[in-house]
Amino acid sequence: MLDHISIGVRDVARAKTFYDAALKPLGYKCLSAGDTSLGYGGNAVQLWVNAAERPVKPDLKSGLHICFEAPNRKSVDAFHAAALKTGGADNGEPGLRADYGDNYYAAFAIDPEGYRIEAYCSKAK
């Protein structure tokens, strides 16, 4: 349904360090980079990270989050570790989420700007 999503950040360089590391284990990379804009995806840009004067204020109770598809459970683990290593905060360690489904394996982090992000794999192993 969605072609892409854009988020605003105060510090594009910091966002690049974070998203380069966090998305790499999932098979995504920076496909477009400039001083004010970054584009991430596999074969095409699906996440734009843009310089913004007033990014969305962090609100853990808003329900807003971005979920990235992961190829396997190990990549979910690596996503979470990379996110924490590059300035993100833990928002749910890797593991099965039985409330969401039998094979819902996910990890949750908060990026340096306060956006809640998730990596998810539905494979049994």
Protein backbone atom coordinates (compact mmCIF):
# COMPACT_ATOMS: atom_id res chain seq x y z
CA MET A 1 0.00 0.00 0.00
CA LEU A 2 2.71 2.52 0.93
CA ASP A 3 5.37 3.59 -1.51
CA HIS A 4 7.51 5.43 1.03
CA ILE A 5 7.51 7.34 4.30
CA SER A 6 9.42 10.50 5.23
CA ILE A 7 10.58 11.56 8.66
CA GLY A 8 12.14 14.84 9.76
CA VAL A 9 15.31 15.08 11.82
CA ARG A 10 17.40 17.87 13.30
CA ASP A 11 20.75 16.22 12.59
CA VAL A 12 21.05 14.45 9.23
CA ALA A 13 24.65 13.31 9.87
CA ARG A 14 23.68 11.68 13.17
CA ALA A 15 20.66 10.06 11.50
CA LYS A 16 22.90 8.66 8.75
CA THR A 17 25.24 7.04 11.27
CA PHE A 18 22.27 5.53 13.09
CA TYR A 19 20.21 4.31 10.11
CA ASP A 20 23.24 3.04 8.17
CA ALA A 21 24.05 0.76 11.10
CA ALA A 22 20.53 -0.20 12.19
CA LEU A 23 19.20 -0.99 8.71
CA LYS A 24 22.26 -2.80 7.34
CA PRO A 25 21.44 -6.13 9.07
CA LEU A 26 17.99 -6.00 7.48
CA GLY A 27 19.43 -5.67 3.98
CA TYR A 28 18.64 -1.97 3.54
CA LYS A 29 21.13 0.75 2.70
CA CYS A 30 21.38 4.43 1.98
CA LEU A 31 20.55 4.79 -1.71
CA SER A 32 20.48 8.59 -1.75
CA ALA A 33 22.53 10.93 0.43
CA GLY A 34 22.79 14.70 0.56
CA ASP A 35 23.32 17.38 3.17
CA THR A 36 19.60 17.62 3.91
CA SER A 37 18.16 14.29 2.81
CA LEU A 38 18.80 10.54 3.02
CA GLY A 39 16.95 7.77 1.22
CA TYR A 40 16.96 4.15 2.48
CA GLY A 41 15.71 0.93 0.97
CA GLY A 42 16.63 -2.32 -0.73
CA ASN A 43 16.14 -1.69 -4.44
CA ALA A 44 14.29 1.63 -4.16
CA VAL A 45 14.00 4.34 -1.53
CA GLN A 46 11.17 3.62 0.89
CA LEU A 47 12.33 5.67 3.88
CA TRP A 48 13.29 9.31 3.45
CA VAL A 49 15.08 11.03 6.32
CA ASN A 50 15.02 14.79 5.81
CA ALA A 51 16.32 17.82 7.67
CA ALA A 52 13.39 19.50 9.39
CA GLU A 53 12.97 22.62 11.45
CA ARG A 54 10.34 20.96 13.65
CA PRO A 55 10.52 17.16 13.63
CA VAL A 56 7.64 15.26 15.22
CA LYS A 57 8.01 15.47 18.97
CA PRO A 58 8.79 12.14 20.65
CA ASP A 59 5.69 10.67 22.24
CA LEU A 60 5.89 7.05 23.41
CA LYS A 61 2.12 6.94 23.85
CA SER A 62 1.23 8.21 20.36
CA GLY A 63 1.19 4.74 18.79
CA LEU A 64 3.35 5.99 15.92
CA HIS A 65 6.16 3.67 14.91
CA ILE A 66 7.88 2.40 11.78
CA CYS A 67 8.29 -1.35 11.28
CA PHE A 68 10.98 -2.74 8.98
CA GLU A 69 10.72 -6.22 7.52
CA ALA A 70 13.64 -8.45 8.48
CA PRO A 71 14.85 -11.48 6.50
CA ASN A 72 15.44 -13.63 9.60
CA ARG A 73 15.56 -13.55 13.39
CA LYS A 74 19.32 -13.04 13.53
CA SER A 75 18.93 -9.85 11.53
CA VAL A 76 16.34 -8.63 14.06
CA ASP A 77 18.88 -9.23 16.83
CA ALA A 78 21.60 -7.41 14.85
CA PHE A 79 19.24 -4.49 14.11
CA HIS A 80 18.57 -4.03 17.82
CA ALA A 81 22.25 -4.25 18.79
CA ALA A 82 23.28 -1.78 16.08
CA ALA A 83 20.51 0.65 17.05
CA LEU A 84 21.64 0.69 20.68
CA LYS A 85 25.32 0.96 19.73
CA THR A 86 24.76 4.02 17.53
CA GLY A 87 22.72 6.23 19.85
CA GLY A 88 19.32 4.57 19.93
CA ALA A 89 17.45 3.53 23.05
CA ASP A 90 15.93 0.16 23.84
CA ASN A 91 12.16 -0.05 23.47
CA GLY A 92 11.83 -3.85 23.56
CA GLU A 93 14.57 -6.43 23.22
CA PRO A 94 14.47 -9.08 20.49
CA GLY A 95 12.05 -11.92 21.06
CA LEU A 96 8.79 -13.59 20.19
CA ARG A 97 5.65 -11.53 20.70
CA ALA A 98 2.95 -14.19 21.17
CA ASP A 99 0.27 -11.49 21.47
CA TYR A 100 0.96 -10.52 17.83
CA GLY A 101 1.13 -14.04 16.36
CA ASP A 102 2.84 -17.41 16.67
CA ASN A 103 6.00 -16.41 14.76
CA TYR A 104 6.08 -12.67 15.42
CA TYR A 105 9.76 -12.12 16.25
CA ALA A 106 10.60 -8.46 16.75
CA ALA A 107 12.81 -5.89 18.44
CA PHE A 108 12.02 -2.28 19.19
CA ALA A 109 14.25 0.79 19.49
CA ILE A 110 13.97 4.55 19.65
CA ASP A 111 16.17 6.45 17.21
CA PRO A 112 18.21 9.50 18.32
CA GLU A 113 15.35 11.85 17.31
CA GLY A 114 12.76 9.92 19.32
CA TYR A 115 11.09 7.93 16.53
CA ARG A 116 10.01 4.44 17.55
CA ILE A 117 11.25 1.79 15.13
CA GLU A 118 10.85 -1.97 14.93
CA ALA A 119 12.37 -4.87 13.02
CA TYR A 120 10.10 -7.84 12.48
CA CYS A 121 10.40 -11.37 11.08
CA SER A 122 7.52 -13.82 10.67
CA LYS A 123 9.62 -16.87 9.83
CA ALA A 124 9.59 -19.77 12.28
CA LYS A 125 13.38 -19.60 12.72
